[in-house]
Amino acid sequence: MTGMAERIAAKLEAALSPERLNVIDESHQHQGHGGWREGGETHFRVDIVSQAFAGKSRLDRHRLVNAALAQELAERVHALAIVARAPGEG
């Protein structure tokens, strides 16, 4: 896991106490495209399962993740794909 991926995981762990969390650095797939920077760590995919998402819409779930990662999104992360589920959901 890269430094930024570890930072993302730590922030999400602290904010949402996930039961399952997978942070994937997909920056290498975007080399030469918008937002990519030398050294990568710009494009990530997050798959997270947390009780914090129970009863919330997809939009509200994404807002929770984005709020937890506001600093990372402002600094270096250009793109963040999110799959956010409550326990027991597909």
PDB file of N, CA and C in Angstrom:
ATOM      1  N   MET A   1       0.853  -1.182   0.000  1.00  0.00           N
ATOM      2  CA  MET A   1       0.000   0.000   0.000  1.00  0.00           C
ATOM      3  C   MET A   1       0.894   1.239   0.000  1.00  0.00           C
ATOM      4  N   THR A   2       0.526   2.233  -0.776  1.00  0.00           N
ATOM      5  CA  THR A   2       1.306   3.464  -0.863  1.00  0.00           C
ATOM      6  C   THR A   2       1.067   4.347   0.355  1.00  0.00           C
ATOM      7  N   GLY A   3       1.888   5.375   0.508  1.00  0.00           N
ATOM      8  CA  GLY A   3       1.725   6.301   1.621  1.00  0.00           C
ATOM      9  C   GLY A   3       0.353   6.952   1.651  1.00  0.00           C
ATOM     10  N   MET A   4      -0.132   7.395   0.498  1.00  0.00           N
ATOM     11  CA  MET A   4      -1.445   8.034   0.449  1.00  0.00           C
ATOM     12  C   MET A   4      -2.543   7.009   0.700  1.00  0.00           C
ATOM     13  N   ALA A   5      -2.397   5.804   0.187  1.00  0.00           N
ATOM     14  CA  ALA A   5      -3.393   4.758   0.432  1.00  0.00           C
ATOM     15  C   ALA A   5      -3.474   4.450   1.929  1.00  0.00           C
ATOM     16  N   GLU A   6      -2.336   4.408   2.591  1.00  0.00           N
ATOM     17  CA  GLU A   6      -2.318   4.169   4.039  1.00  0.00           C
ATOM     18  C   GLU A   6      -2.971   5.326   4.785  1.00  0.00           C
ATOM     19  N   ARG A   7      -2.721   6.523   4.323  1.00  0.00           N
ATOM     20  CA  ARG A   7      -3.336   7.705   4.933  1.00  0.00           C
ATOM     21  C   ARG A   7      -4.851   7.684   4.762  1.00  0.00           C
ATOM     22  N   ILE A   8      -5.318   7.324   3.566  1.00  0.00           N
ATOM     23  CA  ILE A   8      -6.748   7.217   3.294  1.00  0.00           C
ATOM     24  C   ILE A   8      -7.366   6.157   4.207  1.00  0.00           C
ATOM     25  N   ALA A   9      -6.725   5.007   4.294  1.00  0.00           N
ATOM     26  CA  ALA A   9      -7.243   3.926   5.137  1.00  0.00           C
ATOM     27  C   ALA A   9      -7.328   4.371   6.595  1.00  0.00           C
ATOM     28  N   ALA A  10      -6.305   5.039   7.087  1.00  0.00           N
ATOM     29  CA  ALA A  10      -6.299   5.484   8.487  1.00  0.00           C
ATOM     30  C   ALA A  10      -7.426   6.475   8.755  1.00  0.00           C
ATOM     31  N   LYS A  11      -7.646   7.401   7.832  1.00  0.00           N
ATOM     32  CA  LYS A  11      -8.711   8.396   8.003  1.00  0.00           C
ATOM     33  C   LYS A  11     -10.089   7.734   8.004  1.00  0.00           C
ATOM     34  N   LEU A  12     -10.296   6.786   7.092  1.00  0.00           N
ATOM     35  CA  LEU A  12     -11.589   6.112   7.019  1.00  0.00           C
ATOM     36  C   LEU A  12     -11.816   5.208   8.228  1.00  0.00           C
ATOM     37  N   GLU A  13     -10.764   4.565   8.703  1.00  0.00           N
ATOM     38  CA  GLU A  13     -10.864   3.742   9.921  1.00  0.00           C
ATOM     39  C   GLU A  13     -11.311   4.614  11.098  1.00  0.00           C
ATOM     40  N   ALA A  14     -10.681   5.761  11.244  1.00  0.00           N
ATOM     41  CA  ALA A  14     -10.984   6.651  12.365  1.00  0.00           C
ATOM     42  C   ALA A  14     -12.397   7.236  12.269  1.00  0.00           C
ATOM     43  N   ALA A  15     -12.819   7.606  11.069  1.00  0.00           N
ATOM     44  CA  ALA A  15     -14.097   8.288  10.903  1.00  0.00           C
ATOM     45  C   ALA A  15     -15.295   7.340  10.848  1.00  0.00           C
ATOM     46  N   LEU A  16     -15.108   6.137  10.268  1.00  0.00           N
ATOM     47  CA  LEU A  16     -16.264   5.294   9.965  1.00  0.00           C
ATOM     48  C   LEU A  16     -16.200   3.893  10.569  1.00  0.00           C
ATOM     49  N   SER A  17     -15.152   3.553  11.268  1.00  0.00           N
ATOM     50  CA  SER A  17     -15.003   2.231  11.913  1.00  0.00           C
ATOM     51  C   SER A  17     -15.498   1.099  11.006  1.00  0.00           C
ATOM     52  N   PRO A  18     -14.920   0.950   9.843  1.00  0.00           N
ATOM     53  CA  PRO A  18     -15.429  -0.051   8.905  1.00  0.00           C
ATOM     54  C   PRO A  18     -15.189  -1.484   9.358  1.00  0.00           C
ATOM     55  N   GLU A  19     -16.113  -2.345   8.943  1.00  0.00           N
ATOM     56  CA  GLU A  19     -15.946  -3.781   9.155  1.00  0.00           C
ATOM     57  C   GLU A  19     -15.005  -4.348   8.103  1.00  0.00           C
ATOM     58  N   ARG A  20     -15.022  -3.722   6.935  1.00  0.00           N
ATOM     59  CA  ARG A  20     -14.126  -4.123   5.843  1.00  0.00           C
ATOM     60  C   ARG A  20     -13.737  -2.870   5.077  1.00  0.00           C
ATOM     61  N   LEU A  21     -12.468  -2.806   4.691  1.00  0.00           N
ATOM     62  CA  LEU A  21     -11.973  -1.651   3.953  1.00  0.00           C
ATOM     63  C   LEU A  21     -10.871  -2.099   3.017  1.00  0.00           C
ATOM     64  N   ASN A  22     -10.983  -1.685   1.761  1.00  0.00           N
ATOM     65  CA  ASN A  22      -9.960  -1.965   0.766  1.00  0.00           C
ATOM     66  C   ASN A  22      -9.694  -0.665   0.013  1.00  0.00           C
ATOM     67  N   VAL A  23      -8.452  -0.211   0.060  1.00  0.00           N
ATOM     68  CA  VAL A  23      -8.041   1.004  -0.638  1.00  0.00           C
ATOM     69  C   VAL A  23      -7.048   0.593  -1.716  1.00  0.00           C
ATOM     70  N   ILE A  24      -7.366   0.918  -2.964  1.00  0.00           N
ATOM     71  CA  ILE A  24      -6.542   0.512  -4.097  1.00  0.00           C
ATOM     72  C   ILE A  24      -6.047   1.756  -4.832  1.00  0.00           C
ATOM     73  N   ASP A  25      -4.733   1.830  -5.011  1.00  0.00           N
ATOM     74  CA  ASP A  25      -4.130   2.918  -5.790  1.00  0.00           C
ATOM     75  C   ASP A  25      -4.193   2.515  -7.262  1.00  0.00           C
ATOM     76  N   GLU A  26      -5.008   3.211  -8.029  1.00  0.00           N
ATOM     77  CA  GLU A  26      -5.174   2.931  -9.456  1.00  0.00           C
ATOM     78  C   GLU A  26      -4.468   3.973 -10.321  1.00  0.00           C
ATOM     79  N   SER A  27      -3.580   4.735  -9.738  1.00  0.00           N
ATOM     80  CA  SER A  27      -2.920   5.834 -10.444  1.00  0.00           C
ATOM     81  C   SER A  27      -2.207   5.374 -11.712  1.00  0.00           C
ATOM     82  N   HIS A  28      -1.587   4.199 -11.651  1.00  0.00           N
ATOM     83  CA  HIS A  28      -0.847   3.693 -12.812  1.00  0.00           C
ATOM     84  C   HIS A  28      -1.744   3.525 -14.044  1.00  0.00           C
ATOM     85  N   GLN A  29      -3.034   3.345 -13.838  1.00  0.00           N
ATOM     86  CA  GLN A  29      -3.968   3.190 -14.951  1.00  0.00           C
ATOM     87  C   GLN A  29      -4.297   4.531 -15.607  1.00  0.00           C
ATOM     88  N   HIS A  30      -3.910   5.620 -14.979  1.00  0.00           N
ATOM     89  CA  HIS A  30      -4.275   6.957 -15.463  1.00  0.00           C
ATOM     90  C   HIS A  30      -3.061   7.787 -15.878  1.00  0.00           C
ATOM     91  N   GLN A  31      -1.907   7.158 -15.966  1.00  0.00           N
ATOM     92  CA  GLN A  31      -0.692   7.881 -16.337  1.00  0.00           C
ATOM     93  C   GLN A  31      -0.896   8.599 -17.663  1.00  0.00           C
ATOM     94  N   GLY A  32      -0.584   9.889 -17.671  1.00  0.00           N
ATOM     95  CA  GLY A  32      -0.735  10.703 -18.863  1.00  0.00           C
ATOM     96  C   GLY A  32      -2.112  11.332 -19.006  1.00  0.00           C
ATOM     97  N   HIS A  33      -3.053  10.972 -18.145  1.00  0.00           N
ATOM     98  CA  HIS A  33      -4.404  11.538 -18.191  1.00  0.00           C
ATOM     99  C   HIS A  33      -4.527  12.684 -17.195  1.00  0.00           C
ATOM    100  N   GLY A  34      -5.639  13.387 -17.249  1.00  0.00           N
ATOM    101  CA  GLY A  34      -5.879  14.519 -16.373  1.00  0.00           C
ATOM    102  C   GLY A  34      -5.749  14.174 -14.900  1.00  0.00           C
ATOM    103  N   GLY A  35      -5.070  15.035 -14.164  1.00  0.00           N
ATOM    104  CA  GLY A  35      -4.934  14.865 -12.728  1.00  0.00           C
ATOM    105  C   GLY A  35      -3.793  13.972 -12.305  1.00  0.00           C
ATOM    106  N   TRP A  36      -3.207  13.210 -13.236  1.00  0.00           N
ATOM    107  CA  TRP A  36      -2.102  12.327 -12.885  1.00  0.00           C
ATOM    108  C   TRP A  36      -0.851  13.171 -12.644  1.00  0.00           C
ATOM    109  N   ARG A  37      -0.079  12.768 -11.655  1.00  0.00           N
ATOM    110  CA  ARG A  37       1.185  13.451 -11.345  1.00  0.00           C
ATOM    111  C   ARG A  37       2.307  12.430 -11.280  1.00  0.00           C
ATOM    112  N   GLU A  38       3.500  12.894 -11.536  1.00  0.00           N
ATOM    113  CA  GLU A  38       4.676  12.031 -11.400  1.00  0.00           C
ATOM    114  C   GLU A  38       4.709  11.473  -9.989  1.00  0.00           C
ATOM    115  N   GLY A  39       4.915  10.185  -9.869  1.00  0.00           N
ATOM    116  CA  GLY A  39       4.926   9.548  -8.564  1.00  0.00           C
ATOM    117  C   GLY A  39       3.584   8.925  -8.205  1.00  0.00           C
ATOM    118  N   GLY A  40       2.549   9.195  -8.998  1.00  0.00           N
ATOM    119  CA  GLY A  40       1.244   8.575  -8.767  1.00  0.00           C
ATOM    120  C   GLY A  40       0.546   9.089  -7.527  1.00  0.00           C
ATOM    121  N   GLU A  41      -0.150   8.181  -6.850  1.00  0.00           N
ATOM    122  CA  GLU A  41      -0.940   8.487  -5.658  1.00  0.00           C
ATOM    123  C   GLU A  41      -1.982   9.577  -5.915  1.00  0.00           C
ATOM    124  N   THR A  42      -2.637   9.485  -7.072  1.00  0.00           N
ATOM    125  CA  THR A  42      -3.623  10.491  -7.466  1.00  0.00           C
ATOM    126  C   THR A  42      -5.022   9.913  -7.700  1.00  0.00           C
ATOM    127  N   HIS A  43      -5.109   8.638  -8.020  1.00  0.00           N
ATOM    128  CA  HIS A  43      -6.381   7.991  -8.362  1.00  0.00           C
ATOM    129  C   HIS A  43      -6.562   6.750  -7.490  1.00  0.00           C
ATOM    130  N   PHE A  44      -7.665   6.716  -6.746  1.00  0.00           N
ATOM    131  CA  PHE A  44      -7.894   5.618  -5.803  1.00  0.00           C
ATOM    132  C   PHE A  44      -9.298   5.057  -5.927  1.00  0.00           C
ATOM    133  N   ARG A  45      -9.423   3.806  -5.525  1.00  0.00           N
ATOM    134  CA  ARG A  45     -10.709   3.124  -5.408  1.00  0.00           C
ATOM    135  C   ARG A  45     -10.836   2.669  -3.963  1.00  0.00           C
ATOM    136  N   VAL A  46     -11.991   2.949  -3.362  1.00  0.00           N
ATOM    137  CA  VAL A  46     -12.266   2.570  -1.974  1.00  0.00           C
ATOM    138  C   VAL A  46     -13.493   1.669  -1.955  1.00  0.00           C
ATOM    139  N   ASP A  47     -13.350   0.512  -1.344  1.00  0.00           N
ATOM    140  CA  ASP A  47     -14.470  -0.403  -1.114  1.00  0.00           C
ATOM    141  C   ASP A  47     -14.587  -0.522   0.400  1.00  0.00           C
ATOM    142  N   ILE A  48     -15.696  -0.036   0.941  1.00  0.00           N
ATOM    143  CA  ILE A  48     -15.835   0.061   2.395  1.00  0.00           C
ATOM    144  C   ILE A  48     -17.210  -0.434   2.850  1.00  0.00           C
ATOM    145  N   VAL A  49     -17.200  -1.196   3.936  1.00  0.00           N
ATOM    146  CA  VAL A  49     -18.431  -1.663   4.572  1.00  0.00           C
ATOM    147  C   VAL A  49     -18.422  -1.138   5.998  1.00  0.00           C
ATOM    148  N   SER A  50     -19.451  -0.366   6.344  1.00  0.00           N
ATOM    149  CA  SER A  50     -19.516   0.239   7.666  1.00  0.00           C
ATOM    150  C   SER A  50     -20.963   0.378   8.130  1.00  0.00           C
ATOM    151  N   GLN A  51     -21.164   0.187   9.407  1.00  0.00           N
ATOM    152  CA  GLN A  51     -22.483   0.393  10.009  1.00  0.00           C
ATOM    153  C   GLN A  51     -22.911   1.854   9.855  1.00  0.00           C
ATOM    154  N   ALA A  52     -21.959   2.751   9.703  1.00  0.00           N
ATOM    155  CA  ALA A  52     -22.260   4.178   9.545  1.00  0.00           C
ATOM    156  C   ALA A  52     -23.105   4.453   8.300  1.00  0.00           C
ATOM    157  N   PHE A  53     -23.125   3.509   7.346  1.00  0.00           N
ATOM    158  CA  PHE A  53     -23.877   3.697   6.105  1.00  0.00           C
ATOM    159  C   PHE A  53     -25.302   3.160   6.182  1.00  0.00           C
ATOM    160  N   ALA A  54     -25.640   2.467   7.239  1.00  0.00           N
ATOM    161  CA  ALA A  54     -26.975   1.865   7.360  1.00  0.00           C
ATOM    162  C   ALA A  54     -28.052   2.940   7.271  1.00  0.00           C
ATOM    163  N   GLY A  55     -29.020   2.719   6.394  1.00  0.00           N
ATOM    164  CA  GLY A  55     -30.143   3.636   6.236  1.00  0.00           C
ATOM    165  C   GLY A  55     -29.830   4.906   5.466  1.00  0.00           C
ATOM    166  N   LYS A  56     -28.618   5.011   4.932  1.00  0.00           N
ATOM    167  CA  LYS A  56     -28.227   6.224   4.199  1.00  0.00           C
ATOM    168  C   LYS A  56     -28.259   5.966   2.691  1.00  0.00           C
ATOM    169  N   SER A  57     -28.552   7.007   1.952  1.00  0.00           N
ATOM    170  CA  SER A  57     -28.549   6.921   0.492  1.00  0.00           C
ATOM    171  C   SER A  57     -27.113   6.815  -0.018  1.00  0.00           C
ATOM    172  N   ARG A  58     -26.997   6.426  -1.271  1.00  0.00           N
ATOM    173  CA  ARG A  58     -25.667   6.338  -1.896  1.00  0.00           C
ATOM    174  C   ARG A  58     -24.963   7.703  -1.836  1.00  0.00           C
ATOM    175  N   LEU A  59     -25.688   8.752  -2.106  1.00  0.00           N
ATOM    176  CA  LEU A  59     -25.118  10.090  -2.067  1.00  0.00           C
ATOM    177  C   LEU A  59     -24.620  10.439  -0.664  1.00  0.00           C
ATOM    178  N   ASP A  60     -25.415  10.153   0.349  1.00  0.00           N
ATOM    179  CA  ASP A  60     -25.003  10.446   1.721  1.00  0.00           C
ATOM    180  C   ASP A  60     -23.785   9.623   2.136  1.00  0.00           C
ATOM    181  N   ARG A  61     -23.707   8.395   1.673  1.00  0.00           N
ATOM    182  CA  ARG A  61     -22.546   7.555   1.964  1.00  0.00           C
ATOM    183  C   ARG A  61     -21.285   8.151   1.351  1.00  0.00           C
ATOM    184  N   HIS A  62     -21.389   8.580   0.112  1.00  0.00           N
ATOM    185  CA  HIS A  62     -20.247   9.196  -0.564  1.00  0.00           C
ATOM    186  C   HIS A  62     -19.840  10.497   0.132  1.00  0.00           C
ATOM    187  N   ARG A  63     -20.816  11.244   0.584  1.00  0.00           N
ATOM    188  CA  ARG A  63     -20.513  12.483   1.303  1.00  0.00           C
ATOM    189  C   ARG A  63     -19.732  12.206   2.585  1.00  0.00           C
ATOM    190  N   LEU A  64     -20.082  11.131   3.288  1.00  0.00           N
ATOM    191  CA  LEU A  64     -19.351  10.768   4.505  1.00  0.00           C
ATOM    192  C   LEU A  64     -17.895  10.435   4.196  1.00  0.00           C
ATOM    193  N   VAL A  65     -17.682   9.666   3.135  1.00  0.00           N
ATOM    194  CA  VAL A  65     -16.321   9.304   2.741  1.00  0.00           C
ATOM    195  C   VAL A  65     -15.554  10.547   2.302  1.00  0.00           C
ATOM    196  N   ASN A  66     -16.175  11.365   1.464  1.00  0.00           N
ATOM    197  CA  ASN A  66     -15.507  12.579   0.985  1.00  0.00           C
ATOM    198  C   ASN A  66     -15.183  13.539   2.129  1.00  0.00           C
ATOM    199  N   ALA A  67     -16.063  13.643   3.099  1.00  0.00           N
ATOM    200  CA  ALA A  67     -15.803  14.520   4.249  1.00  0.00           C
ATOM    201  C   ALA A  67     -14.607  14.011   5.051  1.00  0.00           C
ATOM    202  N   ALA A  68     -14.528  12.703   5.226  1.00  0.00           N
ATOM    203  CA  ALA A  68     -13.404  12.131   5.973  1.00  0.00           C
ATOM    204  C   ALA A  68     -12.082  12.345   5.249  1.00  0.00           C
ATOM    205  N   LEU A  69     -12.134  12.459   3.926  1.00  0.00           N
ATOM    206  CA  LEU A  69     -10.920  12.586   3.118  1.00  0.00           C
ATOM    207  C   LEU A  69     -10.757  13.969   2.487  1.00  0.00           C
ATOM    208  N   ALA A  70     -11.400  14.965   3.058  1.00  0.00           N
ATOM    209  CA  ALA A  70     -11.379  16.312   2.470  1.00  0.00           C
ATOM    210  C   ALA A  70      -9.961  16.838   2.268  1.00  0.00           C
ATOM    211  N   GLN A  71      -9.100  16.640   3.228  1.00  0.00           N
ATOM    212  CA  GLN A  71      -7.725  17.140   3.126  1.00  0.00           C
ATOM    213  C   GLN A  71      -6.973  16.435   1.993  1.00  0.00           C
ATOM    214  N   GLU A  72      -7.136  15.118   1.882  1.00  0.00           N
ATOM    215  CA  GLU A  72      -6.453  14.356   0.838  1.00  0.00           C
ATOM    216  C   GLU A  72      -6.963  14.737  -0.550  1.00  0.00           C
ATOM    217  N   LEU A  73      -8.267  14.973  -0.652  1.00  0.00           N
ATOM    218  CA  LEU A  73      -8.846  15.379  -1.932  1.00  0.00           C
ATOM    219  C   LEU A  73      -8.377  16.775  -2.336  1.00  0.00           C
ATOM    220  N   ALA A  74      -8.160  17.635  -1.362  1.00  0.00           N
ATOM    221  CA  ALA A  74      -7.694  18.989  -1.656  1.00  0.00           C
ATOM    222  C   ALA A  74      -6.209  19.016  -2.004  1.00  0.00           C
ATOM    223  N   GLU A  75      -5.453  18.092  -1.449  1.00  0.00           N
ATOM    224  CA  GLU A  75      -3.998  18.102  -1.635  1.00  0.00           C
ATOM    225  C   GLU A  75      -3.524  17.378  -2.892  1.00  0.00           C
ATOM    226  N   ARG A  76      -3.810  16.096  -3.000  1.00  0.00           N
ATOM    227  CA  ARG A  76      -3.188  15.291  -4.043  1.00  0.00           C
ATOM    228  C   ARG A  76      -4.145  14.363  -4.784  1.00  0.00           C
ATOM    229  N   VAL A  77      -5.148  13.857  -4.114  1.00  0.00           N
ATOM    230  CA  VAL A  77      -6.036  12.875  -4.729  1.00  0.00           C
ATOM    231  C   VAL A  77      -6.928  13.569  -5.754  1.00  0.00           C
ATOM    232  N   HIS A  78      -6.811  13.119  -6.985  1.00  0.00           N
ATOM    233  CA  HIS A  78      -7.564  13.710  -8.093  1.00  0.00           C
ATOM    234  C   HIS A  78      -8.895  12.990  -8.308  1.00  0.00           C
ATOM    235  N   ALA A  79      -8.890  11.669  -8.135  1.00  0.00           N
ATOM    236  CA  ALA A  79     -10.099  10.881  -8.391  1.00  0.00           C
ATOM    237  C   ALA A  79     -10.251   9.822  -7.310  1.00  0.00           C
ATOM    238  N   LEU A  80     -11.501   9.635  -6.885  1.00  0.00           N
ATOM    239  CA  LEU A  80     -11.804   8.653  -5.852  1.00  0.00           C
ATOM    240  C   LEU A  80     -13.082   7.918  -6.235  1.00  0.00           C
ATOM    241  N   ALA A  81     -12.938   6.638  -6.570  1.00  0.00           N
ATOM    242  CA  ALA A  81     -14.101   5.785  -6.862  1.00  0.00           C
ATOM    243  C   ALA A  81     -14.506   5.145  -5.540  1.00  0.00           C
ATOM    244  N   ILE A  82     -15.797   5.187  -5.222  1.00  0.00           N
ATOM    245  CA  ILE A  82     -16.266   4.712  -3.923  1.00  0.00           C
ATOM    246  C   ILE A  82     -17.357   3.666  -4.073  1.00  0.00           C
ATOM    247  N   VAL A  83     -17.169   2.544  -3.383  1.00  0.00           N
ATOM    248  CA  VAL A  83     -18.239   1.562  -3.182  1.00  0.00           C
ATOM    249  C   VAL A  83     -18.419   1.505  -1.678  1.00  0.00           C
ATOM    250  N   ALA A  84     -19.560   2.008  -1.206  1.00  0.00           N
ATOM    251  CA  ALA A  84     -19.835   2.108   0.236  1.00  0.00           C
ATOM    252  C   ALA A  84     -21.112   1.351   0.561  1.00  0.00           C
ATOM    253  N   ARG A  85     -20.988   0.355   1.443  1.00  0.00           N
ATOM    254  CA  ARG A  85     -22.135  -0.470   1.793  1.00  0.00           C
ATOM    255  C   ARG A  85     -22.254  -0.598   3.300  1.00  0.00           C
ATOM    256  N   ALA A  86     -23.472  -0.881   3.735  1.00  0.00           N
ATOM    257  CA  ALA A  86     -23.714  -1.227   5.134  1.00  0.00           C
ATOM    258  C   ALA A  86     -23.535  -2.742   5.251  1.00  0.00           C
ATOM    259  N   PRO A  87     -23.256  -3.259   6.440  1.00  0.00           N
ATOM    260  CA  PRO A  87     -23.113  -4.704   6.617  1.00  0.00           C
ATOM    261  C   PRO A  87     -24.360  -5.441   6.122  1.00  0.00           C
ATOM    262  N   GLY A  88     -24.147  -6.558   5.439  1.00  0.00           N
ATOM    263  CA  GLY A  88     -25.236  -7.357   4.935  1.00  0.00           C
ATOM    264  C   GLY A  88     -25.711  -6.986   3.547  1.00  0.00           C
ATOM    265  N   GLU A  89     -25.217  -5.889   3.008  1.00  0.00           N
ATOM    266  CA  GLU A  89     -25.585  -5.489   1.644  1.00  0.00           C
ATOM    267  C   GLU A  89     -24.614  -6.136   0.663  1.00  0.00           C
ATOM    268  N   GLY A  90     -25.140  -6.526  -0.502  1.00  0.00           N
ATOM    269  CA  GLY A  90     -24.395  -7.166  -1.573  1.00  0.00           C
ATOM    270  C   GLY A  90     -23.011  -6.839  -1.615  1.00  0.00           C
TER     271      GLY A  90
END
